[in-house]
Amino acid sequence: MTKMAALSEPKGQQYKVYSYDNKQYAIGGDFLAFLKPGMNQEEISATFRFIPLSILLLIIGFLFAYYILLPSLLKFTTSINEKLGMVQTYGALEYFNFVFNTVIPVTILFQLPLVILLLTKLKIINPYLLKKSRKIAYFILIHISIIISPPDLISDLLVCIPLIILLEISVLLSTWVFKNKLELKENLANDS
């Protein structure tokens, strides 16, 4: 059973929070309204600036996975079946599982620049840390790409190369945000 509870802040604004099994979830657009009282103005503006970027990265990740990676994977499985002399038969459930297990992880991984940018804005990481741990990040991204893609080199490279490019874009964005924050801090110090 789902129970609905209403939380209100002093101004009388209502937030819908639904609970299920003693866990509470804010629904849809109410999620940001629910978080807003605990955020300062900079965090609120950053959140609203990141939403269009997030949607753009999701679309790019989906298009890459569906139109570039998925045909390559299907070609690979077809060639393996032909080499083994097997007849390739996909049921609807198997096909959709294959598509979702391929497209969804790659689409989510395309959020990497946004995550790095957000962590830099929140001062959790900085570009120096990213540059210092670059080899470890490459190692992790190569393993993720091998896990996501089938066991052929072309598919591994099709996933790995964009992830490494996204990491490098993330480092550049992090450097840009970090320098802007330092310049803003210097300007504020000079003005006072």
N, C-alpha and C. Protein backbone atom coordinates (compact mmCIF):
# COMPACT_ATOMS: atom_id res chain seq x y z
N MET A 1 0.83 -1.19 0.00
CA MET A 1 0.00 0.00 0.00
C MET A 1 0.87 1.25 0.00
N THR A 2 0.46 2.21 -0.77
CA THR A 2 1.17 3.47 -0.83
C THR A 2 0.42 4.49 0.00
N LYS A 3 1.15 5.15 0.88
CA LYS A 3 0.56 6.19 1.71
C LYS A 3 1.14 7.52 1.29
N MET A 4 0.33 8.55 1.30
CA MET A 4 0.81 9.86 0.90
C MET A 4 0.93 10.74 2.14
N ALA A 5 2.03 11.40 2.23
CA ALA A 5 2.24 12.35 3.32
C ALA A 5 2.60 13.70 2.72
N ALA A 6 2.25 14.76 3.38
CA ALA A 6 2.57 16.09 2.88
C ALA A 6 3.52 16.77 3.86
N LEU A 7 4.59 17.31 3.33
CA LEU A 7 5.53 18.08 4.12
C LEU A 7 5.36 19.53 3.75
N SER A 8 5.46 20.40 4.72
CA SER A 8 5.33 21.82 4.39
C SER A 8 6.47 22.58 5.03
N GLU A 9 6.86 23.65 4.38
CA GLU A 9 7.86 24.53 4.95
C GLU A 9 7.13 25.76 5.49
N PRO A 10 7.83 26.61 6.21
CA PRO A 10 7.16 27.74 6.85
C PRO A 10 6.33 28.61 5.91
N LYS A 11 6.70 28.70 4.64
CA LYS A 11 5.95 29.56 3.72
C LYS A 11 4.63 28.92 3.31
N GLY A 12 4.39 27.68 3.71
CA GLY A 12 3.15 27.02 3.39
C GLY A 12 3.17 26.27 2.07
N GLN A 13 4.32 26.16 1.42
CA GLN A 13 4.41 25.45 0.16
C GLN A 13 4.38 23.95 0.44
N GLN A 14 3.60 23.20 -0.32
CA GLN A 14 3.44 21.77 -0.09
C GLN A 14 4.31 20.96 -1.04
N TYR A 15 4.87 19.86 -0.54
CA TYR A 15 5.63 18.92 -1.35
C TYR A 15 4.98 17.56 -1.22
N LYS A 16 4.79 16.88 -2.33
CA LYS A 16 4.20 15.55 -2.29
C LYS A 16 5.32 14.53 -2.11
N VAL A 17 5.22 13.75 -1.07
CA VAL A 17 6.19 12.71 -0.81
C VAL A 17 5.41 11.42 -0.60
N TYR A 18 5.74 10.42 -1.38
CA TYR A 18 5.06 9.16 -1.29
C TYR A 18 5.95 8.16 -0.58
N SER A 19 5.35 7.35 0.29
CA SER A 19 6.17 6.37 0.98
C SER A 19 5.69 4.97 0.63
N TYR A 20 6.64 4.08 0.53
CA TYR A 20 6.34 2.68 0.25
C TYR A 20 7.32 1.85 1.05
N ASP A 21 6.84 0.96 1.87
CA ASP A 21 7.69 0.15 2.73
C ASP A 21 8.62 1.01 3.58
N ASN A 22 8.07 2.06 4.16
CA ASN A 22 8.81 2.98 5.04
C ASN A 22 9.96 3.70 4.33
N LYS A 23 9.96 3.73 3.01
CA LYS A 23 10.93 4.51 2.25
C LYS A 23 10.15 5.61 1.55
N GLN A 24 10.70 6.80 1.53
CA GLN A 24 9.97 7.91 0.94
C GLN A 24 10.59 8.32 -0.38
N TYR A 25 9.75 8.63 -1.32
CA TYR A 25 10.20 9.05 -2.64
C TYR A 25 9.45 10.31 -3.04
N ALA A 26 10.17 11.27 -3.55
CA ALA A 26 9.53 12.46 -4.10
C ALA A 26 9.30 12.18 -5.59
N ILE A 27 8.18 12.58 -6.11
CA ILE A 27 7.79 12.20 -7.46
C ILE A 27 7.97 13.35 -8.42
N GLY A 28 8.56 13.03 -9.61
CA GLY A 28 8.64 13.95 -10.74
C GLY A 28 9.26 15.29 -10.42
N GLY A 29 8.59 16.36 -10.84
CA GLY A 29 9.09 17.71 -10.64
C GLY A 29 9.12 18.10 -9.17
N ASP A 30 8.37 17.37 -8.36
CA ASP A 30 8.38 17.65 -6.93
C ASP A 30 9.72 17.30 -6.30
N PHE A 31 10.53 16.49 -6.98
CA PHE A 31 11.81 16.08 -6.43
C PHE A 31 12.72 17.28 -6.20
N LEU A 32 12.82 18.15 -7.20
CA LEU A 32 13.65 19.35 -7.04
C LEU A 32 13.05 20.31 -6.02
N ALA A 33 11.73 20.41 -6.00
CA ALA A 33 11.08 21.26 -5.01
C ALA A 33 11.32 20.72 -3.60
N PHE A 34 11.41 19.42 -3.49
CA PHE A 34 11.67 18.78 -2.21
C PHE A 34 13.10 19.06 -1.74
N LEU A 35 14.06 19.06 -2.68
CA LEU A 35 15.46 19.30 -2.33
C LEU A 35 15.80 20.78 -2.18
N LYS A 36 15.02 21.64 -2.81
CA LYS A 36 15.33 23.07 -2.88
C LYS A 36 15.57 23.74 -1.52
N PRO A 37 14.78 23.46 -0.47
CA PRO A 37 15.05 24.13 0.81
C PRO A 37 16.43 23.81 1.39
N GLY A 38 17.01 22.70 1.04
CA GLY A 38 18.32 22.34 1.57
C GLY A 38 19.48 22.78 0.70
N MET A 39 19.19 23.49 -0.38
CA MET A 39 20.23 23.91 -1.32
C MET A 39 20.42 25.41 -1.26
N ASN A 40 21.67 25.85 -1.45
CA ASN A 40 21.89 27.29 -1.55
C ASN A 40 21.65 27.73 -3.00
N GLN A 41 21.71 29.05 -3.25
CA GLN A 41 21.36 29.57 -4.57
C GLN A 41 22.30 29.06 -5.65
N GLU A 42 23.58 28.91 -5.34
CA GLU A 42 24.55 28.42 -6.33
C GLU A 42 24.23 26.98 -6.74
N GLU A 43 23.88 26.15 -5.76
CA GLU A 43 23.54 24.76 -6.06
C GLU A 43 22.25 24.66 -6.88
N ILE A 44 21.30 25.53 -6.60
CA ILE A 44 20.04 25.53 -7.35
C ILE A 44 20.29 25.92 -8.80
N SER A 45 21.06 27.00 -9.01
CA SER A 45 21.32 27.45 -10.38
C SER A 45 22.16 26.41 -11.14
N ALA A 46 23.11 25.76 -10.45
CA ALA A 46 23.92 24.72 -11.09
C ALA A 46 23.04 23.55 -11.50
N THR A 47 22.10 23.18 -10.65
CA THR A 47 21.21 22.08 -10.96
C THR A 47 20.41 22.37 -12.22
N PHE A 48 19.86 23.56 -12.30
CA PHE A 48 19.05 23.89 -13.47
C PHE A 48 19.88 24.09 -14.74
N ARG A 49 21.16 24.44 -14.58
CA ARG A 49 22.04 24.51 -15.75
C ARG A 49 22.45 23.12 -16.21
N PHE A 50 22.53 22.16 -15.29
CA PHE A 50 22.97 20.81 -15.63
C PHE A 50 21.87 19.96 -16.25
N ILE A 51 20.62 20.30 -16.03
CA ILE A 51 19.52 19.48 -16.57
C ILE A 51 19.54 19.44 -18.10
N PRO A 52 19.66 20.57 -18.82
CA PRO A 52 19.73 20.47 -20.29
C PRO A 52 20.96 19.71 -20.78
N LEU A 53 22.09 19.91 -20.11
CA LEU A 53 23.31 19.18 -20.47
C LEU A 53 23.12 17.68 -20.25
N SER A 54 22.47 17.33 -19.16
CA SER A 54 22.21 15.92 -18.87
C SER A 54 21.34 15.29 -19.94
N ILE A 55 20.30 16.01 -20.33
CA ILE A 55 19.41 15.49 -21.38
C ILE A 55 20.16 15.35 -22.70
N LEU A 56 20.98 16.33 -23.04
CA LEU A 56 21.78 16.28 -24.26
C LEU A 56 22.73 15.08 -24.24
N LEU A 57 23.43 14.87 -23.12
CA LEU A 57 24.34 13.74 -23.02
C LEU A 57 23.61 12.40 -23.07
N LEU A 58 22.42 12.34 -22.48
CA LEU A 58 21.61 11.12 -22.58
C LEU A 58 21.25 10.83 -24.03
N ILE A 59 20.85 11.85 -24.75
CA ILE A 59 20.47 11.67 -26.16
C ILE A 59 21.67 11.23 -26.99
N ILE A 60 22.81 11.89 -26.79
CA ILE A 60 24.02 11.52 -27.54
C ILE A 60 24.44 10.10 -27.20
N GLY A 61 24.41 9.74 -25.92
CA GLY A 61 24.75 8.38 -25.51
C GLY A 61 23.82 7.35 -26.10
N PHE A 62 22.52 7.67 -26.10
CA PHE A 62 21.55 6.74 -26.68
C PHE A 62 21.78 6.57 -28.17
N LEU A 63 21.97 7.68 -28.88
CA LEU A 63 22.19 7.61 -30.33
C LEU A 63 23.46 6.82 -30.65
N PHE A 64 24.52 7.05 -29.90
CA PHE A 64 25.76 6.31 -30.10
C PHE A 64 25.54 4.82 -29.87
N ALA A 65 24.91 4.48 -28.76
CA ALA A 65 24.71 3.08 -28.42
C ALA A 65 23.78 2.39 -29.41
N TYR A 66 22.72 3.07 -29.82
CA TYR A 66 21.72 2.43 -30.67
C TYR A 66 22.14 2.36 -32.13
N TYR A 67 22.76 3.43 -32.65
CA TYR A 67 23.07 3.47 -34.07
C TYR A 67 24.49 3.06 -34.43
N ILE A 68 25.40 3.07 -33.48
CA ILE A 68 26.78 2.69 -33.78
C ILE A 68 27.15 1.38 -33.09
N LEU A 69 26.95 1.33 -31.79
CA LEU A 69 27.39 0.16 -31.03
C LEU A 69 26.50 -1.06 -31.27
N LEU A 70 25.19 -0.89 -31.19
CA LEU A 70 24.27 -2.03 -31.32
C LEU A 70 24.39 -2.74 -32.67
N PRO A 71 24.44 -2.04 -33.81
CA PRO A 71 24.64 -2.77 -35.07
C PRO A 71 25.95 -3.56 -35.10
N SER A 72 27.00 -2.99 -34.50
CA SER A 72 28.26 -3.71 -34.43
C SER A 72 28.13 -4.98 -33.60
N LEU A 73 27.42 -4.88 -32.50
CA LEU A 73 27.23 -6.05 -31.64
C LEU A 73 26.39 -7.12 -32.33
N LEU A 74 25.34 -6.69 -33.01
CA LEU A 74 24.50 -7.66 -33.73
C LEU A 74 25.28 -8.31 -34.87
N LYS A 75 26.12 -7.54 -35.55
CA LYS A 75 26.96 -8.09 -36.61
C LYS A 75 27.93 -9.13 -36.04
N PHE A 76 28.48 -8.83 -34.85
CA PHE A 76 29.40 -9.76 -34.21
C PHE A 76 28.69 -11.08 -33.85
N THR A 77 27.52 -10.98 -33.23
CA THR A 77 26.81 -12.21 -32.85
C THR A 77 26.37 -13.00 -34.08
N THR A 78 26.00 -12.31 -35.14
CA THR A 78 25.63 -12.99 -36.38
C THR A 78 26.83 -13.72 -36.97
N SER A 79 27.98 -13.07 -36.98
CA SER A 79 29.17 -13.71 -37.56
C SER A 79 29.61 -14.91 -36.73
N ILE A 80 29.49 -14.83 -35.42
CA ILE A 80 29.83 -15.98 -34.57
C ILE A 80 28.89 -17.14 -34.85
N ASN A 81 27.60 -16.84 -34.95
CA ASN A 81 26.63 -17.90 -35.23
C ASN A 81 26.89 -18.54 -36.59
N GLU A 82 27.23 -17.73 -37.60
CA GLU A 82 27.52 -18.28 -38.92
C GLU A 82 28.77 -19.15 -38.90
N LYS A 83 29.81 -18.72 -38.17
CA LYS A 83 31.04 -19.50 -38.10
C LYS A 83 30.82 -20.83 -37.39
N LEU A 84 29.91 -20.84 -36.43
CA LEU A 84 29.62 -22.07 -35.71
C LEU A 84 28.56 -22.92 -36.40
N GLY A 85 28.00 -22.40 -37.50
CA GLY A 85 26.99 -23.13 -38.25
C GLY A 85 25.65 -23.20 -37.53
N MET A 86 25.38 -22.22 -36.72
CA MET A 86 24.13 -22.20 -35.96
C MET A 86 23.13 -21.27 -36.63
N VAL A 87 21.87 -21.54 -36.40
CA VAL A 87 20.81 -20.67 -36.90
C VAL A 87 20.50 -19.64 -35.82
N GLN A 88 20.52 -18.39 -36.23
CA GLN A 88 20.30 -17.31 -35.27
C GLN A 88 18.81 -17.05 -35.13
N THR A 89 18.30 -17.23 -33.93
CA THR A 89 16.89 -16.93 -33.66
C THR A 89 16.81 -16.09 -32.40
N TYR A 90 16.16 -14.98 -32.53
CA TYR A 90 15.92 -14.10 -31.39
C TYR A 90 14.43 -14.05 -31.13
N GLY A 91 14.06 -14.23 -29.89
CA GLY A 91 12.69 -13.94 -29.49
C GLY A 91 12.62 -12.47 -29.13
N ALA A 92 11.42 -11.96 -29.01
CA ALA A 92 11.26 -10.55 -28.67
C ALA A 92 11.89 -10.24 -27.32
N LEU A 93 11.70 -11.13 -26.34
CA LEU A 93 12.25 -10.90 -25.02
C LEU A 93 13.78 -10.88 -25.04
N GLU A 94 14.39 -11.82 -25.74
CA GLU A 94 15.86 -11.86 -25.81
C GLU A 94 16.42 -10.64 -26.51
N TYR A 95 15.75 -10.24 -27.61
CA TYR A 95 16.21 -9.08 -28.35
C TYR A 95 16.15 -7.82 -27.49
N PHE A 96 15.01 -7.59 -26.83
CA PHE A 96 14.86 -6.39 -26.01
C PHE A 96 15.81 -6.42 -24.81
N ASN A 97 16.02 -7.60 -24.22
CA ASN A 97 17.01 -7.70 -23.14
C ASN A 97 18.40 -7.34 -23.64
N PHE A 98 18.75 -7.84 -24.82
CA PHE A 98 20.05 -7.54 -25.42
C PHE A 98 20.19 -6.06 -25.68
N VAL A 99 19.16 -5.45 -26.26
CA VAL A 99 19.19 -4.02 -26.57
C VAL A 99 19.29 -3.19 -25.30
N PHE A 100 18.44 -3.50 -24.32
CA PHE A 100 18.47 -2.72 -23.07
C PHE A 100 19.76 -2.90 -22.31
N ASN A 101 20.30 -4.11 -22.28
CA ASN A 101 21.55 -4.36 -21.56
C ASN A 101 22.74 -3.74 -22.27
N THR A 102 22.58 -3.36 -23.50
CA THR A 102 23.65 -2.69 -24.23
C THR A 102 23.46 -1.17 -24.21
N VAL A 103 22.28 -0.71 -24.55
CA VAL A 103 22.04 0.72 -24.73
C VAL A 103 21.99 1.48 -23.41
N ILE A 104 21.33 0.95 -22.40
CA ILE A 104 21.16 1.67 -21.14
C ILE A 104 22.49 1.94 -20.44
N PRO A 105 23.38 0.94 -20.27
CA PRO A 105 24.66 1.26 -19.60
C PRO A 105 25.51 2.29 -20.36
N VAL A 106 25.55 2.19 -21.67
CA VAL A 106 26.34 3.14 -22.45
C VAL A 106 25.73 4.53 -22.35
N THR A 107 24.42 4.62 -22.39
CA THR A 107 23.73 5.90 -22.26
C THR A 107 24.04 6.54 -20.90
N ILE A 108 24.03 5.74 -19.86
CA ILE A 108 24.33 6.25 -18.53
C ILE A 108 25.80 6.67 -18.43
N LEU A 109 26.70 5.91 -19.04
CA LEU A 109 28.12 6.26 -18.99
C LEU A 109 28.42 7.58 -19.70
N PHE A 110 27.56 8.00 -20.60
CA PHE A 110 27.76 9.28 -21.28
C PHE A 110 27.48 10.46 -20.34
N GLN A 111 27.05 10.20 -19.13
CA GLN A 111 26.85 11.24 -18.13
C GLN A 111 28.14 11.59 -17.40
N LEU A 112 29.24 10.91 -17.73
CA LEU A 112 30.52 11.11 -17.05
C LEU A 112 30.97 12.57 -17.00
N PRO A 113 30.94 13.32 -18.11
CA PRO A 113 31.36 14.73 -18.00
C PRO A 113 30.50 15.54 -17.04
N LEU A 114 29.23 15.25 -17.02
CA LEU A 114 28.32 15.97 -16.13
C LEU A 114 28.63 15.65 -14.67
N VAL A 115 28.89 14.39 -14.37
CA VAL A 115 29.22 13.99 -13.00
C VAL A 115 30.52 14.66 -12.54
N ILE A 116 31.53 14.63 -13.41
CA ILE A 116 32.82 15.26 -13.07
C ILE A 116 32.64 16.76 -12.89
N LEU A 117 31.87 17.38 -13.76
CA LEU A 117 31.62 18.82 -13.66
C LEU A 117 30.91 19.16 -12.35
N LEU A 118 29.93 18.38 -11.99
CA LEU A 118 29.19 18.61 -10.76
C LEU A 118 30.08 18.42 -9.54
N LEU A 119 30.89 17.36 -9.55
CA LEU A 119 31.79 17.12 -8.42
C LEU A 119 32.84 18.22 -8.31
N THR A 120 33.27 18.77 -9.43
CA THR A 120 34.22 19.89 -9.40
C THR A 120 33.55 21.14 -8.85
N LYS A 121 32.33 21.42 -9.28
CA LYS A 121 31.62 22.60 -8.78
C LYS A 121 31.37 22.50 -7.28
N LEU A 122 31.15 21.29 -6.79
CA LEU A 122 30.92 21.10 -5.36
C LEU A 122 32.21 20.97 -4.56
N LYS A 123 33.35 21.13 -5.24
CA LYS A 123 34.69 21.09 -4.63
C LYS A 123 35.01 19.73 -4.00
N ILE A 124 34.46 18.67 -4.56
CA ILE A 124 34.78 17.32 -4.08
C ILE A 124 36.03 16.81 -4.78
N ILE A 125 36.15 17.13 -6.06
CA ILE A 125 37.36 16.78 -6.82
C ILE A 125 37.88 18.04 -7.50
N ASN A 126 39.12 17.97 -7.97
CA ASN A 126 39.68 19.08 -8.73
C ASN A 126 40.46 18.50 -9.92
N PRO A 127 40.83 19.34 -10.88
CA PRO A 127 41.52 18.83 -12.06
C PRO A 127 42.86 18.18 -11.75
N TYR A 128 43.51 18.63 -10.71
CA TYR A 128 44.80 18.04 -10.35
C TYR A 128 44.63 16.59 -9.91
N LEU A 129 43.58 16.33 -9.16
CA LEU A 129 43.28 14.96 -8.74
C LEU A 129 42.92 14.11 -9.95
N LEU A 130 42.15 14.67 -10.87
CA LEU A 130 41.77 13.93 -12.07
C LEU A 130 43.00 13.59 -12.92
N LYS A 131 43.89 14.56 -13.06
CA LYS A 131 45.09 14.31 -13.87
C LYS A 131 46.01 13.30 -13.19
N LYS A 132 46.08 13.35 -11.87
CA LYS A 132 46.92 12.43 -11.12
C LYS A 132 46.39 10.99 -11.20
N SER A 133 45.08 10.83 -11.22
CA SER A 133 44.48 9.50 -11.23
C SER A 133 44.01 9.07 -12.63
N ARG A 134 44.56 9.68 -13.66
CA ARG A 134 44.16 9.40 -15.03
C ARG A 134 44.41 7.93 -15.42
N LYS A 135 45.55 7.37 -15.03
CA LYS A 135 45.85 5.97 -15.38
C LYS A 135 44.84 5.01 -14.75
N ILE A 136 44.48 5.29 -13.51
CA ILE A 136 43.48 4.45 -12.83
C ILE A 136 42.13 4.59 -13.53
N ALA A 137 41.78 5.80 -13.92
CA ALA A 137 40.51 6.04 -14.61
C ALA A 137 40.49 5.31 -15.95
N TYR A 138 41.59 5.35 -16.69
CA TYR A 138 41.68 4.61 -17.95
C TYR A 138 41.47 3.12 -17.71
N PHE A 139 42.13 2.60 -16.70
CA PHE A 139 42.01 1.19 -16.36
C PHE A 139 40.56 0.83 -16.06
N ILE A 140 39.89 1.64 -15.26
CA ILE A 140 38.49 1.39 -14.91
C ILE A 140 37.60 1.49 -16.14
N LEU A 141 37.80 2.51 -16.98
CA LEU A 141 36.98 2.67 -18.19
C LEU A 141 37.19 1.53 -19.17
N ILE A 142 38.42 1.04 -19.30
CA ILE A 142 38.67 -0.10 -20.19
C ILE A 142 37.96 -1.33 -19.67
N HIS A 143 37.98 -1.54 -18.38
CA HIS A 143 37.28 -2.71 -17.82
C HIS A 143 35.76 -2.57 -17.99
N ILE A 144 35.24 -1.38 -17.78
CA ILE A 144 33.80 -1.17 -17.98
C ILE A 144 33.42 -1.43 -19.43
N SER A 145 34.23 -0.94 -20.36
CA SER A 145 33.92 -1.15 -21.78
C SER A 145 34.01 -2.62 -22.16
N ILE A 146 34.92 -3.35 -21.55
CA ILE A 146 35.02 -4.79 -21.84
C ILE A 146 33.81 -5.54 -21.28
N ILE A 147 33.34 -5.12 -20.11
CA ILE A 147 32.18 -5.78 -19.51
C ILE A 147 30.92 -5.50 -20.32
N ILE A 148 30.76 -4.29 -20.80
CA ILE A 148 29.54 -3.91 -21.53
C ILE A 148 29.50 -4.54 -22.92
N SER A 149 30.62 -4.57 -23.61
CA SER A 149 30.62 -5.00 -25.01
C SER A 149 30.93 -6.50 -25.12
N PRO A 150 30.59 -7.09 -26.26
CA PRO A 150 30.91 -8.50 -26.47
C PRO A 150 32.42 -8.71 -26.62
N PRO A 151 32.86 -9.95 -26.57
CA PRO A 151 34.31 -10.20 -26.52
C PRO A 151 35.03 -10.13 -27.86
N ASP A 152 34.87 -9.05 -28.57
CA ASP A 152 35.71 -8.85 -29.75
C ASP A 152 36.35 -7.46 -29.64
N LEU A 153 37.49 -7.33 -30.24
CA LEU A 153 38.29 -6.12 -30.09
C LEU A 153 37.58 -4.89 -30.66
N ILE A 154 36.90 -5.03 -31.78
CA ILE A 154 36.23 -3.88 -32.41
C ILE A 154 35.16 -3.31 -31.49
N SER A 155 34.35 -4.16 -30.90
CA SER A 155 33.29 -3.69 -30.00
C SER A 155 33.89 -3.07 -28.75
N ASP A 156 34.95 -3.68 -28.24
CA ASP A 156 35.62 -3.11 -27.06
C ASP A 156 36.14 -1.71 -27.36
N LEU A 157 36.75 -1.54 -28.52
CA LEU A 157 37.26 -0.23 -28.90
C LEU A 157 36.14 0.77 -29.16
N LEU A 158 35.02 0.29 -29.73
CA LEU A 158 33.88 1.17 -29.99
C LEU A 158 33.30 1.75 -28.71
N VAL A 159 33.43 1.01 -27.62
CA VAL A 159 32.94 1.53 -26.34
C VAL A 159 34.05 2.29 -25.61
N CYS A 160 35.26 1.76 -25.63
CA CYS A 160 36.37 2.31 -24.85
C CYS A 160 36.81 3.69 -25.33
N ILE A 161 36.94 3.86 -26.62
CA ILE A 161 37.44 5.14 -27.15
C ILE A 161 36.51 6.31 -26.81
N PRO A 162 35.19 6.19 -27.00
CA PRO A 162 34.33 7.31 -26.58
C PRO A 162 34.38 7.57 -25.08
N LEU A 163 34.52 6.52 -24.27
CA LEU A 163 34.60 6.73 -22.82
C LEU A 163 35.88 7.49 -22.45
N ILE A 164 36.97 7.16 -23.10
CA ILE A 164 38.22 7.87 -22.82
C ILE A 164 38.12 9.32 -23.30
N ILE A 165 37.49 9.53 -24.45
CA ILE A 165 37.28 10.90 -24.93
C ILE A 165 36.40 11.68 -23.95
N LEU A 166 35.35 11.03 -23.44
CA LEU A 166 34.49 11.68 -22.45
C LEU A 166 35.26 12.01 -21.17
N LEU A 167 36.18 11.12 -20.78
CA LEU A 167 36.99 11.41 -19.60
C LEU A 167 37.87 12.63 -19.84
N GLU A 168 38.48 12.71 -21.01
CA GLU A 168 39.33 13.85 -21.31
C GLU A 168 38.52 15.15 -21.40
N ILE A 169 37.33 15.08 -21.96
CA ILE A 169 36.44 16.24 -21.97
C ILE A 169 36.09 16.63 -20.54
N SER A 170 35.87 15.62 -19.69
CA SER A 170 35.56 15.88 -18.29
C SER A 170 36.71 16.60 -17.59
N VAL A 171 37.94 16.17 -17.87
CA VAL A 171 39.10 16.82 -17.26
C VAL A 171 39.20 18.27 -17.73
N LEU A 172 38.97 18.51 -19.03
CA LEU A 172 39.01 19.88 -19.55
C LEU A 172 37.92 20.75 -18.92
N LEU A 173 36.72 20.21 -18.81
CA LEU A 173 35.63 20.96 -18.17
C LEU A 173 35.93 21.24 -16.71
N SER A 174 36.49 20.24 -16.03
CA SER A 174 36.85 20.42 -14.63
C SER A 174 37.90 21.51 -14.47
N THR A 175 38.89 21.53 -15.36
CA THR A 175 39.93 22.57 -15.32
C THR A 175 39.31 23.95 -15.55
N TRP A 176 38.41 24.04 -16.51
CA TRP A 176 37.75 25.31 -16.82
C TRP A 176 36.93 25.81 -15.63
N VAL A 177 36.14 24.93 -15.02
CA VAL A 177 35.31 25.32 -13.88
C VAL A 177 36.19 25.70 -12.69
N PHE A 178 37.24 24.93 -12.46
CA PHE A 178 38.14 25.19 -11.34
C PHE A 178 38.84 26.55 -11.50
N LYS A 179 39.32 26.84 -12.71
CA LYS A 179 39.97 28.14 -12.96
C LYS A 179 38.99 29.29 -12.80
N ASN A 180 37.76 29.11 -13.28
CA ASN A 180 36.74 30.16 -13.12
C ASN A 180 36.45 30.42 -11.65
N LYS A 181 36.37 29.35 -10.85
CA LYS A 181 36.13 29.52 -9.41
C LYS A 181 37.29 30.25 -8.75
N LEU A 182 38.53 29.90 -9.13
CA LEU A 182 39.70 30.57 -8.56
C LEU A 182 39.72 32.05 -8.95
N GLU A 183 39.42 32.37 -10.22
CA GLU A 183 39.39 33.76 -10.67
C GLU A 183 38.30 34.55 -9.93
N LEU A 184 37.14 33.92 -9.74
CA LEU A 184 36.05 34.58 -9.03
C LEU A 184 36.45 34.85 -7.58
N LYS A 185 37.12 33.88 -6.97
CA LYS A 185 37.56 34.03 -5.58
C LYS A 185 38.61 35.15 -5.48
N GLU A 186 39.53 35.22 -6.46
CA GLU A 186 40.55 36.27 -6.47
C GLU A 186 39.91 37.65 -6.67
N ASN A 187 38.93 37.73 -7.57
CA ASN A 187 38.25 39.01 -7.81
C ASN A 187 37.51 39.48 -6.57
N LEU A 188 36.88 38.54 -5.86
CA LEU A 188 36.18 38.91 -4.64
C LEU A 188 37.17 39.36 -3.56
N ALA A 189 38.33 38.71 -3.51
CA ALA A 189 39.35 39.09 -2.53
C ALA A 189 39.93 40.46 -2.86
N ASN A 190 40.12 40.75 -4.15
CA ASN A 190 40.67 42.04 -4.57
C ASN A 190 39.67 43.18 -4.34
N ASP A 191 38.37 42.87 -4.50
CA ASP A 191 37.34 43.90 -4.32
C ASP A 191 37.17 44.29 -2.86
N SER A 192 37.44 43.37 -1.95
CA SER A 192 37.23 43.71 -0.53
C SER A 192 38.45 44.21 0.14
